């Protein structure tokens, strides 16, 4: 099963939670399903979230495109650090 782990720093937990809820239909259409959302206990301005993904390559392409569009619209946009995880051999 594949997952995507993302981390954003310098953000408010409630803002990210609302954003992920608002974007859930688009994420789901792309085969991405939010599984967990955490606030870093040592750094409350750091939020981590985990998606289960149907197709890691598709998720990677989708996220790279969306992040590139966000940077184009706002060069200072906060883009999450993302790690793609896959346990298949």
C-alpha atoms as a PDB file:
ATOM      1  CA  UNK A   1       0.000   0.000   0.000  1.00  0.00           C
ATOM      2  CA  UNK A   2       1.363   3.421  -0.937  1.00  0.00           C
ATOM      3  CA  UNK A   3       1.227   6.593   1.114  1.00  0.00           C
ATOM      4  CA  UNK A   4       2.311  10.209   0.893  1.00  0.00           C
ATOM      5  CA  UNK A   5       3.596  11.919   4.030  1.00  0.00           C
ATOM      6  CA  UNK A   6       3.635  15.707   3.919  1.00  0.00           C
ATOM      7  CA  UNK A   7       4.939  18.329   6.336  1.00  0.00           C
ATOM      8  CA  UNK A   8       4.244  22.056   6.413  1.00  0.00           C
ATOM      9  CA  UNK A   9       6.000  24.476   8.749  1.00  0.00           C
ATOM     10  CA  UNK A  10       4.932  27.938   9.845  1.00  0.00           C
ATOM     11  CA  UNK A  11       1.229  27.180   9.440  1.00  0.00           C
ATOM     12  CA  UNK A  12      -1.852  26.995  11.633  1.00  0.00           C
ATOM     13  CA  UNK A  13      -3.292  23.543  12.210  1.00  0.00           C
ATOM     14  CA  UNK A  14      -6.919  24.663  11.787  1.00  0.00           C
ATOM     15  CA  UNK A  15      -6.122  26.363   8.476  1.00  0.00           C
ATOM     16  CA  UNK A  16      -4.499  23.228   7.057  1.00  0.00           C
ATOM     17  CA  UNK A  17      -7.305  21.043   8.400  1.00  0.00           C
ATOM     18  CA  UNK A  18      -9.906  23.212   6.649  1.00  0.00           C
ATOM     19  CA  UNK A  19      -7.873  23.351   3.429  1.00  0.00           C
ATOM     20  CA  UNK A  20      -7.582  19.549   3.340  1.00  0.00           C
ATOM     21  CA  UNK A  21     -11.321  19.191   3.970  1.00  0.00           C
ATOM     22  CA  UNK A  22     -12.065  21.667   1.169  1.00  0.00           C
ATOM     23  CA  UNK A  23      -9.731  19.869  -1.250  1.00  0.00           C
ATOM     24  CA  UNK A  24     -10.826  16.328  -0.302  1.00  0.00           C
ATOM     25  CA  UNK A  25     -13.071  15.846  -3.377  1.00  0.00           C
ATOM     26  CA  UNK A  26     -10.219  16.730  -5.756  1.00  0.00           C
ATOM     27  CA  UNK A  27      -7.742  14.589  -3.821  1.00  0.00           C
ATOM     28  CA  UNK A  28     -10.176  11.663  -3.839  1.00  0.00           C
ATOM     29  CA  UNK A  29     -10.686  11.995  -7.606  1.00  0.00           C
ATOM     30  CA  UNK A  30      -6.916  11.643  -7.923  1.00  0.00           C
ATOM     31  CA  UNK A  31      -6.856   8.504  -5.751  1.00  0.00           C
ATOM     32  CA  UNK A  32      -5.553  10.283  -2.647  1.00  0.00           C
ATOM     33  CA  UNK A  33      -7.327   9.730   0.684  1.00  0.00           C
ATOM     34  CA  UNK A  34      -6.400  11.630   3.839  1.00  0.00           C
ATOM     35  CA  UNK A  35      -5.698   9.135   6.621  1.00  0.00           C
ATOM     36  CA  UNK A  36      -4.156  11.227   9.413  1.00  0.00           C
ATOM     37  CA  UNK A  37      -3.493  14.839  10.309  1.00  0.00           C
ATOM     38  CA  UNK A  38      -1.124  15.747  13.147  1.00  0.00           C
ATOM     39  CA  UNK A  39       0.259  18.825  14.841  1.00  0.00           C
ATOM     40  CA  UNK A  40       3.878  18.443  15.919  1.00  0.00           C
ATOM     41  CA  UNK A  41       3.799  18.361  19.749  1.00  0.00           C
ATOM     42  CA  UNK A  42       7.254  20.002  19.878  1.00  0.00           C
ATOM     43  CA  UNK A  43       6.421  22.648  17.276  1.00  0.00           C
ATOM     44  CA  UNK A  44       2.723  23.619  17.067  1.00  0.00           C
ATOM     45  CA  UNK A  45       3.392  25.572  13.838  1.00  0.00           C
ATOM     46  CA  UNK A  46       4.321  22.328  12.072  1.00  0.00           C
ATOM     47  CA  UNK A  47       1.598  20.110  10.623  1.00  0.00           C
ATOM     48  CA  UNK A  48       2.019  16.630   9.166  1.00  0.00           C
ATOM     49  CA  UNK A  49      -0.537  14.693   7.155  1.00  0.00           C
ATOM     50  CA  UNK A  50      -0.693  11.269   5.578  1.00  0.00           C
ATOM     51  CA  UNK A  51      -2.542  10.261   2.423  1.00  0.00           C
ATOM     52  CA  UNK A  52      -3.196   6.701   1.291  1.00  0.00           C
ATOM     53  CA  UNK A  53      -2.791   6.674  -2.488  1.00  0.00           C
ATOM     54  CA  UNK A  54      -4.020   4.267  -5.148  1.00  0.00           C
ATOM     55  CA  UNK A  55      -1.193   4.980  -7.603  1.00  0.00           C
ATOM     56  CA  UNK A  56       1.995   6.535  -6.213  1.00  0.00           C
ATOM     57  CA  UNK A  57       3.303   7.622  -9.620  1.00  0.00           C
ATOM     58  CA  UNK A  58       0.037   9.368 -10.438  1.00  0.00           C
ATOM     59  CA  UNK A  59      -0.046  11.035  -7.002  1.00  0.00           C
ATOM     60  CA  UNK A  60       3.534  12.227  -7.463  1.00  0.00           C
ATOM     61  CA  UNK A  61       2.762  13.739 -10.877  1.00  0.00           C
ATOM     62  CA  UNK A  62      -0.433  15.358  -9.604  1.00  0.00           C
ATOM     63  CA  UNK A  63       1.268  16.875  -6.557  1.00  0.00           C
ATOM     64  CA  UNK A  64       4.246  18.157  -8.548  1.00  0.00           C
ATOM     65  CA  UNK A  65       1.881  19.835 -11.027  1.00  0.00           C
ATOM     66  CA  UNK A  66      -0.257  21.409  -8.288  1.00  0.00           C
ATOM     67  CA  UNK A  67       2.803  22.616  -6.367  1.00  0.00           C
ATOM     68  CA  UNK A  68       4.364  24.081  -9.526  1.00  0.00           C
ATOM     69  CA  UNK A  69       1.115  25.947 -10.243  1.00  0.00           C
ATOM     70  CA  UNK A  70       1.048  27.274  -6.666  1.00  0.00           C
ATOM     71  CA  UNK A  71       4.666  28.496  -6.948  1.00  0.00           C
ATOM     72  CA  UNK A  72       3.896  30.139 -10.281  1.00  0.00           C
ATOM     73  CA  UNK A  73       0.928  31.978  -8.780  1.00  0.00           C
ATOM     74  CA  UNK A  74       2.863  32.900  -5.622  1.00  0.00           C
ATOM     75  CA  UNK A  75       6.632  32.348  -5.450  1.00  0.00           C
ATOM     76  CA  UNK A  76       6.365  32.522  -1.639  1.00  0.00           C
ATOM     77  CA  UNK A  77       3.614  29.897  -1.372  1.00  0.00           C
ATOM     78  CA  UNK A  78       4.109  27.371   1.407  1.00  0.00           C
ATOM     79  CA  UNK A  79       4.646  24.021  -0.296  1.00  0.00           C
ATOM     80  CA  UNK A  80       4.777  20.900   1.855  1.00  0.00           C
ATOM     81  CA  UNK A  81       7.839  18.727   2.132  1.00  0.00           C
ATOM     82  CA  UNK A  82       6.615  15.452   0.699  1.00  0.00           C
ATOM     83  CA  UNK A  83       7.790  11.869   1.051  1.00  0.00           C
ATOM     84  CA  UNK A  84       6.323   9.115  -1.107  1.00  0.00           C
ATOM     85  CA  UNK A  85       6.130   5.759   0.689  1.00  0.00           C
ATOM     86  CA  UNK A  86       5.500   2.377  -0.889  1.00  0.00           C
ATOM     87  CA  UNK A  87       5.776  -1.016   0.755  1.00  0.00           C
ATOM     88  CA  UNK A  88       5.524  -3.080  -2.419  1.00  0.00           C
ATOM     89  CA  UNK A  89       8.656  -5.041  -3.423  1.00  0.00           C
END
